Amino acid sequence: MSLIGEPQETVVAQAWLDAMQDVLLVDSQDKIPELNEYQCGTYAMHSLAEAQAIAQSIITAGVGVNQNDDLALPAEMLVQLKV
């Protein structure tokens, strides 16, 4: 997830976890808005069971925060990759 502005990391992490909890509460794919051939080009590829398994694994693992500087490739590697 990318964010604009300066939101508090803990608020965003909690919102993400809350959204995953919401996924677990869905009891039928029929209750998912826009999950139809007219509003979602890949609607047939979606699986509620798979989405719930993914949501549970995110809840179990927790949500972390990455900092751009920590993810940046070293300058030497950028030169080697000709980036």
Protein backbone atom coordinates (compact mmCIF):
# COMPACT_ATOMS: atom_id res chain seq x y z
CA MET A 1 0.00 0.00 0.00
CA SER A 2 1.27 3.45 -0.81
CA LEU A 3 0.11 6.48 1.12
CA ILE A 4 -0.06 10.17 0.40
CA GLY A 5 0.54 12.70 3.14
CA GLU A 6 1.74 11.87 6.62
CA PRO A 7 -0.66 9.35 8.14
CA GLN A 8 0.29 7.70 11.40
CA GLU A 9 1.78 4.26 10.76
CA THR A 10 -0.15 2.65 13.60
CA VAL A 11 -3.47 3.98 12.28
CA VAL A 12 -2.78 2.65 8.79
CA ALA A 13 -1.63 -0.74 10.10
CA GLN A 14 -4.77 -1.05 12.22
CA ALA A 15 -6.97 -0.06 9.27
CA TRP A 16 -5.34 -2.79 7.20
CA LEU A 17 -5.94 -5.38 9.92
CA ASP A 18 -9.54 -4.19 10.34
CA ALA A 19 -10.07 -4.62 6.59
CA MET A 20 -8.73 -8.17 6.81
CA GLN A 21 -11.17 -8.88 9.67
CA ASP A 22 -13.97 -7.62 7.42
CA VAL A 23 -12.94 -10.15 4.77
CA LEU A 24 -13.28 -12.95 7.33
CA LEU A 25 -16.85 -11.88 8.10
CA VAL A 26 -18.10 -12.23 4.51
CA ASP A 27 -20.21 -15.38 4.33
CA SER A 28 -20.95 -15.47 0.60
CA GLN A 29 -19.35 -14.18 -2.59
CA ASP A 30 -22.82 -12.95 -3.52
CA LYS A 31 -22.42 -10.25 -0.88
CA ILE A 32 -19.33 -8.72 -2.49
CA PRO A 33 -20.23 -5.54 -4.40
CA GLU A 34 -18.96 -5.23 -7.96
CA LEU A 35 -18.06 -8.93 -8.16
CA ASN A 36 -19.74 -9.49 -11.49
CA GLU A 37 -18.84 -9.65 -15.16
CA TYR A 38 -19.81 -6.03 -15.78
CA GLN A 39 -17.84 -4.37 -12.99
CA CYS A 40 -14.82 -6.67 -12.57
CA GLY A 41 -12.97 -8.06 -15.55
CA THR A 42 -11.46 -10.87 -13.47
CA TYR A 43 -14.50 -11.66 -11.33
CA ALA A 44 -14.36 -15.36 -12.24
CA MET A 45 -10.84 -15.62 -10.82
CA HIS A 46 -11.88 -14.52 -7.33
CA SER A 47 -12.36 -17.00 -4.50
CA LEU A 48 -13.82 -16.02 -1.14
CA ALA A 49 -12.14 -18.99 0.54
CA GLU A 50 -8.76 -17.96 -0.85
CA ALA A 51 -9.31 -14.32 0.10
CA GLN A 52 -10.20 -15.37 3.64
CA ALA A 53 -7.12 -17.59 3.89
CA ILE A 54 -4.94 -14.70 2.75
CA ALA A 55 -6.66 -12.33 5.18
CA GLN A 56 -6.09 -14.74 8.05
CA SER A 57 -2.42 -15.14 7.16
CA ILE A 58 -2.00 -11.35 7.15
CA ILE A 59 -3.70 -11.09 10.55
CA THR A 60 -1.52 -13.89 11.92
CA ALA A 61 1.70 -12.38 10.53
CA GLY A 62 0.82 -8.82 11.45
CA VAL A 63 1.32 -5.67 9.44
CA GLY A 64 4.76 -4.08 9.30
CA VAL A 65 6.01 -0.77 8.02
CA ASN A 66 8.76 -0.46 5.41
CA GLN A 67 10.80 2.69 5.04
CA ASN A 68 11.85 3.70 1.52
CA ASP A 69 15.46 4.28 2.58
CA ASP A 70 15.64 0.75 4.00
CA LEU A 71 14.39 -0.71 0.71
CA ALA A 72 16.65 1.29 -1.62
CA LEU A 73 19.22 -0.64 -3.61
CA PRO A 74 22.86 0.24 -2.97
CA ALA A 75 24.37 2.73 -5.44
CA GLU A 76 26.87 0.08 -6.63
CA MET A 77 24.04 -2.24 -7.59
CA LEU A 78 22.24 0.52 -9.48
CA VAL A 79 25.42 1.13 -11.49
CA GLN A 80 25.77 -2.59 -12.16
CA LEU A 81 22.14 -2.79 -13.29
CA LYS A 82 22.61 0.35 -15.41
CA VAL A 83 19.64 2.04 -13.74
